[in-house]
N, C-alpha and C. Protein backbone atom coordinates (compact mmCIF):
# COMPACT_ATOMS: atom_id res chain seq x y z
N MET A 1 101.64 112.08 122.48
CA MET A 1 101.03 112.29 121.70
C MET A 1 101.37 113.18 120.48
N TYR A 2 103.35 114.06 121.13
CA TYR A 2 103.79 114.68 120.30
C TYR A 2 104.63 113.83 119.80
N GLU A 3 104.58 112.91 119.51
CA GLU A 3 105.92 111.94 119.11
C GLU A 3 104.91 112.18 117.54
N LYS A 4 103.37 111.74 117.78
CA LYS A 4 103.11 111.61 116.73
C LYS A 4 102.43 113.09 115.08
N LEU A 5 102.79 113.39 116.48
CA LEU A 5 103.26 115.32 115.20
C LEU A 5 104.98 115.15 114.89
N LYS A 6 106.01 114.93 115.71
CA LYS A 6 106.72 115.00 115.48
C LYS A 6 107.02 114.19 113.91
N ARG A 7 106.57 112.31 113.93
CA ARG A 7 106.33 112.09 112.93
C ARG A 7 105.47 112.08 111.80
N GLY A 8 104.92 112.61 111.33
CA GLY A 8 104.07 113.96 110.55
C GLY A 8 104.21 114.67 109.87
N PHE A 9 105.81 115.37 110.44
CA PHE A 9 106.04 116.43 110.36
C PHE A 9 107.52 116.40 108.98
N HIS A 10 107.30 117.31 107.53
CA HIS A 10 108.44 116.82 107.14
C HIS A 10 109.18 118.66 107.06
N ASN A 11 110.01 118.45 106.72
CA ASN A 11 111.36 119.65 106.95
C ASN A 11 110.56 120.46 105.87
N ARG A 12 110.29 120.51 104.71
CA ARG A 12 110.05 120.84 102.68
C ARG A 12 108.54 120.78 103.29
N LEU A 13 108.24 119.72 103.56
CA LEU A 13 106.66 120.18 102.86
C LEU A 13 106.02 120.44 104.34
N SER A 14 105.76 120.92 105.40
CA SER A 14 104.92 120.66 105.99
C SER A 14 105.80 122.52 106.39
N GLY A 15 104.11 122.87 107.67
CA GLY A 15 104.05 124.39 107.60
C GLY A 15 104.75 125.02 108.92
N ASP A 16 104.81 125.75 108.79
CA ASP A 16 106.47 126.31 110.05
C ASP A 16 105.15 126.67 111.91
N ILE A 17 104.55 126.19 111.59
CA ILE A 17 103.20 125.55 113.04
C ILE A 17 102.50 124.61 112.88
N LEU A 18 102.41 123.71 114.26
CA LEU A 18 102.21 122.53 114.08
C LEU A 18 101.57 122.61 115.83
N TYR A 19 99.30 122.66 115.72
CA TYR A 19 98.92 122.39 116.62
C TYR A 19 97.94 121.69 117.13
N THR A 20 97.63 121.69 118.16
CA THR A 20 96.77 120.09 118.95
C THR A 20 95.46 121.04 119.60
N LEU A 21 94.85 120.43 118.91
CA LEU A 21 93.31 120.39 119.92
C LEU A 21 93.04 120.10 120.59
N LEU A 22 92.59 121.15 121.90
CA LEU A 22 91.94 120.16 123.00
C LEU A 22 91.71 118.72 123.10
N PRO A 23 91.65 117.85 124.11
CA PRO A 23 90.76 116.97 123.70
C PRO A 23 89.16 116.78 123.43
N GLY A 24 88.73 116.27 122.39
CA GLY A 24 87.36 115.91 122.47
C GLY A 24 86.97 117.19 121.25
N TRP A 25 88.14 117.94 121.07
CA TRP A 25 87.99 118.92 119.68
C TRP A 25 87.86 118.39 119.03
N VAL A 26 87.13 118.20 117.45
CA VAL A 26 87.84 118.45 116.09
C VAL A 26 87.57 119.38 115.63
N GLU A 27 87.64 119.96 114.09
CA GLU A 27 88.38 120.43 113.37
C GLU A 27 87.66 120.17 112.24
N TYR A 28 86.56 119.71 110.82
CA TYR A 28 86.35 119.75 109.84
C TYR A 28 85.40 120.46 108.92
N ASP A 29 85.20 119.81 107.91
CA ASP A 29 83.95 120.21 107.51
C ASP A 29 82.21 119.95 107.57
N GLN A 30 81.39 121.22 107.62
CA GLN A 30 80.22 120.07 107.50
C GLN A 30 79.43 118.83 107.05
N THR A 31 80.15 118.18 106.35
CA THR A 31 79.89 116.50 106.30
C THR A 31 81.64 115.71 106.24
N GLY A 32 81.17 114.24 106.83
CA GLY A 32 83.11 113.43 106.99
C GLY A 32 83.26 113.67 108.35
N SER A 33 84.43 113.38 108.74
CA SER A 33 84.53 113.07 110.00
C SER A 33 86.22 112.70 110.27
N THR A 34 87.35 112.57 111.19
CA THR A 34 88.55 112.24 110.93
C THR A 34 89.20 111.52 111.81
N HIS A 35 90.09 111.14 111.72
CA HIS A 35 91.39 110.38 112.14
C HIS A 35 93.01 111.05 112.68
N GLY A 36 92.10 112.20 112.77
CA GLY A 36 93.61 112.84 112.77
C GLY A 36 94.48 113.62 113.77
N SER A 37 94.05 112.93 114.72
CA SER A 37 94.11 114.15 116.19
C SER A 37 95.58 113.53 116.66
N GLY A 38 96.36 114.11 117.66
CA GLY A 38 97.01 113.11 118.32
C GLY A 38 96.52 112.12 119.56
N TYR A 39 95.66 111.81 119.42
CA TYR A 39 95.03 111.48 120.89
C TYR A 39 94.72 110.07 120.72
N GLU A 40 94.61 108.97 121.67
CA GLU A 40 94.32 107.37 121.30
C GLU A 40 93.13 107.47 121.03
N TYR A 41 92.01 107.78 122.12
CA TYR A 41 90.48 108.08 121.33
C TYR A 41 90.22 108.62 119.01
N ASP A 42 90.68 108.81 119.05
CA ASP A 42 90.36 109.68 117.71
C ASP A 42 91.60 108.66 116.85
N THR A 43 92.97 107.95 117.13
CA THR A 43 93.20 106.74 116.15
C THR A 43 93.02 105.62 116.52
N HIS A 44 92.81 105.60 116.93
CA HIS A 44 91.90 104.01 117.61
C HIS A 44 91.22 103.49 117.35
N VAL A 45 91.21 102.84 115.58
CA VAL A 45 90.66 102.07 114.61
C VAL A 45 90.75 100.80 114.66
N PRO A 46 89.49 100.01 114.35
CA PRO A 46 89.46 98.36 114.11
C PRO A 46 90.92 98.20 113.28
N LEU A 47 91.11 97.49 112.67
CA LEU A 47 92.18 96.67 111.54
C LEU A 47 91.18 95.37 111.08
N VAL A 48 91.37 94.87 110.43
CA VAL A 48 90.35 93.37 109.96
C VAL A 48 91.87 93.00 109.03
N PHE A 49 92.36 91.80 108.60
CA PHE A 49 92.55 91.09 107.85
C PHE A 49 92.34 89.77 107.45
N MET A 50 91.23 89.59 106.77
CA MET A 50 90.38 88.26 106.29
C MET A 50 90.71 87.82 104.56
N GLY A 51 91.15 86.21 104.10
CA GLY A 51 90.98 85.52 102.66
C GLY A 51 92.04 85.04 103.16
N TRP A 52 92.84 84.35 101.72
CA TRP A 52 93.36 83.75 101.94
C TRP A 52 95.17 84.15 102.39
N GLY A 53 95.38 82.89 103.32
CA GLY A 53 97.27 82.59 104.20
C GLY A 53 96.36 84.17 105.54
N VAL A 54 95.15 84.14 106.30
CA VAL A 54 94.90 84.58 106.56
C VAL A 54 94.44 84.20 108.58
N LYS A 55 95.32 83.13 108.82
CA LYS A 55 94.33 82.19 109.70
C LYS A 55 94.02 83.84 110.58
N PRO A 56 92.29 82.52 111.33
CA PRO A 56 91.24 82.93 112.11
C PRO A 56 91.45 83.81 112.88
N GLY A 57 91.72 84.46 113.99
CA GLY A 57 91.55 84.58 115.00
C GLY A 57 91.28 86.14 115.42
N SER A 58 91.70 86.81 116.32
CA SER A 58 91.67 88.42 116.86
C SER A 58 92.89 88.85 117.94
N THR A 59 92.91 89.98 117.74
CA THR A 59 94.30 90.20 119.29
C THR A 59 93.86 91.86 119.45
N TYR A 60 94.18 92.40 120.28
CA TYR A 60 93.75 93.90 120.68
C TYR A 60 95.12 94.00 121.29
N GLU A 61 96.49 93.82 120.38
CA GLU A 61 97.61 94.44 120.60
C GLU A 61 97.60 95.65 119.72
N PRO A 62 97.92 96.47 119.86
CA PRO A 62 98.64 98.04 119.76
C PRO A 62 98.76 97.13 118.30
N VAL A 63 98.80 98.39 117.05
CA VAL A 63 100.14 98.03 115.22
C VAL A 63 99.00 99.44 115.15
N ASP A 64 101.15 99.68 114.56
CA ASP A 64 101.19 101.23 113.45
C ASP A 64 100.88 101.01 112.24
N ILE A 65 100.16 102.26 111.71
CA ILE A 65 99.85 101.92 110.31
C ILE A 65 100.69 102.16 109.70
N GLU A 66 102.31 101.84 109.83
CA GLU A 66 103.31 101.70 109.10
C GLU A 66 103.87 99.90 108.94
N ASP A 67 103.02 99.40 110.35
CA ASP A 67 102.93 97.69 110.16
C ASP A 67 102.52 97.41 109.08
N ILE A 68 101.12 97.91 108.07
CA ILE A 68 100.28 97.23 107.44
C ILE A 68 101.20 96.63 106.06
N ALA A 69 102.04 97.28 105.03
CA ALA A 69 102.48 97.04 104.54
C ALA A 69 103.28 95.95 104.34
N PRO A 70 104.26 95.33 105.36
CA PRO A 70 104.80 94.58 105.35
C PRO A 70 104.12 93.58 105.86
N THR A 71 102.90 93.44 106.57
CA THR A 71 101.74 92.02 106.95
C THR A 71 101.45 91.77 105.54
N VAL A 72 100.99 93.16 104.60
CA VAL A 72 100.59 92.17 103.28
C VAL A 72 101.05 91.82 102.68
N SER A 73 101.91 92.39 102.67
CA SER A 73 103.77 91.51 101.96
C SER A 73 104.20 90.47 102.13
N GLY A 74 103.99 90.18 103.82
CA GLY A 74 103.63 88.69 104.00
C GLY A 74 103.04 87.35 103.36
N ILE A 75 101.47 88.89 103.18
CA ILE A 75 100.27 87.73 103.57
C ILE A 75 100.29 86.33 101.74
N LEU A 76 101.13 88.25 101.16
CA LEU A 76 101.16 87.56 99.36
C LEU A 76 102.87 87.47 98.86
N LYS A 77 103.16 86.54 100.06
CA LYS A 77 105.08 86.41 100.20
C LYS A 77 105.42 87.09 98.62
N ILE A 78 105.74 88.17 98.85
CA ILE A 78 106.15 89.20 97.85
C ILE A 78 107.25 90.29 98.96
N THR A 79 107.87 90.88 98.56
CA THR A 79 109.06 91.37 98.72
C THR A 79 108.47 92.82 98.96
N TRP A 80 109.04 93.01 100.47
CA TRP A 80 108.75 94.30 101.36
C TRP A 80 108.74 95.71 100.64
N PRO A 81 107.62 96.54 100.80
CA PRO A 81 108.43 98.27 99.82
C PRO A 81 109.08 98.87 99.86
N GLN A 82 109.84 99.09 99.06
CA GLN A 82 111.78 99.43 99.45
C GLN A 82 111.55 100.28 101.23
N ALA A 83 110.50 101.25 100.80
CA ALA A 83 110.56 102.74 102.03
C ALA A 83 110.32 101.95 103.20
N THR A 84 109.79 100.67 103.44
CA THR A 84 109.17 100.63 104.84
C THR A 84 110.03 100.51 106.18
N THR A 85 109.22 101.16 106.91
CA THR A 85 109.57 101.25 108.69
C THR A 85 109.36 100.43 109.72
N GLY A 86 107.88 99.70 108.80
CA GLY A 86 107.22 98.84 109.41
C GLY A 86 107.34 97.20 109.98
N ASN A 87 107.23 96.29 110.12
CA ASN A 87 107.02 95.41 110.78
C ASN A 87 106.17 94.33 109.88
N PRO A 88 106.09 93.17 110.33
CA PRO A 88 104.92 92.31 109.81
C PRO A 88 103.47 92.22 111.19
N ILE A 89 102.47 91.87 111.55
CA ILE A 89 102.11 91.57 112.52
C ILE A 89 101.83 90.07 112.62
N PRO A 90 102.45 89.83 114.07
CA PRO A 90 102.57 88.58 114.25
C PRO A 90 101.39 87.84 114.74
N ALA A 91 100.45 88.65 114.55
CA ALA A 91 98.80 88.11 115.40
C ALA A 91 98.09 87.86 113.56
N VAL A 92 98.66 87.88 112.51
CA VAL A 92 98.25 87.99 111.98
C VAL A 92 98.47 86.61 110.95
N PHE A 93 99.89 85.95 111.84
CA PHE A 93 100.41 84.76 111.09
C PHE A 93 100.41 83.14 112.03
N LYS A 94 100.28 83.47 112.87
CA LYS A 94 99.61 83.26 114.22
C LYS A 94 98.99 81.79 114.11
C-alpha cells in the first residue's frame, strides 16, 4: 500500500502530509465513489479491451495502470507516448 502512496507523490505538487484511512473506510462527497485508496479491495477493478486487433480471451493476471498506454499503442501499431513507464499487457496480444 505504501508503494502506491510513494508513486503518487510529487515533490512540488503534493502536500506535506500523506495519510491513509483504515481498511473499509472511504472519504467522499454524498454522491459518487472512489478507487483512490491504496488497499487491494479498492483498486482491483475490471479492465476490458475489445475490438479490432484484440484477440478474444480473459486473464486474471494483475496489471498496472501504466500498462494501458503501451497496450493501446500496440493495438494501434503506433509509438508509445514519450513518458510511458509501463509495458504492453501480454494477454491482449495472445
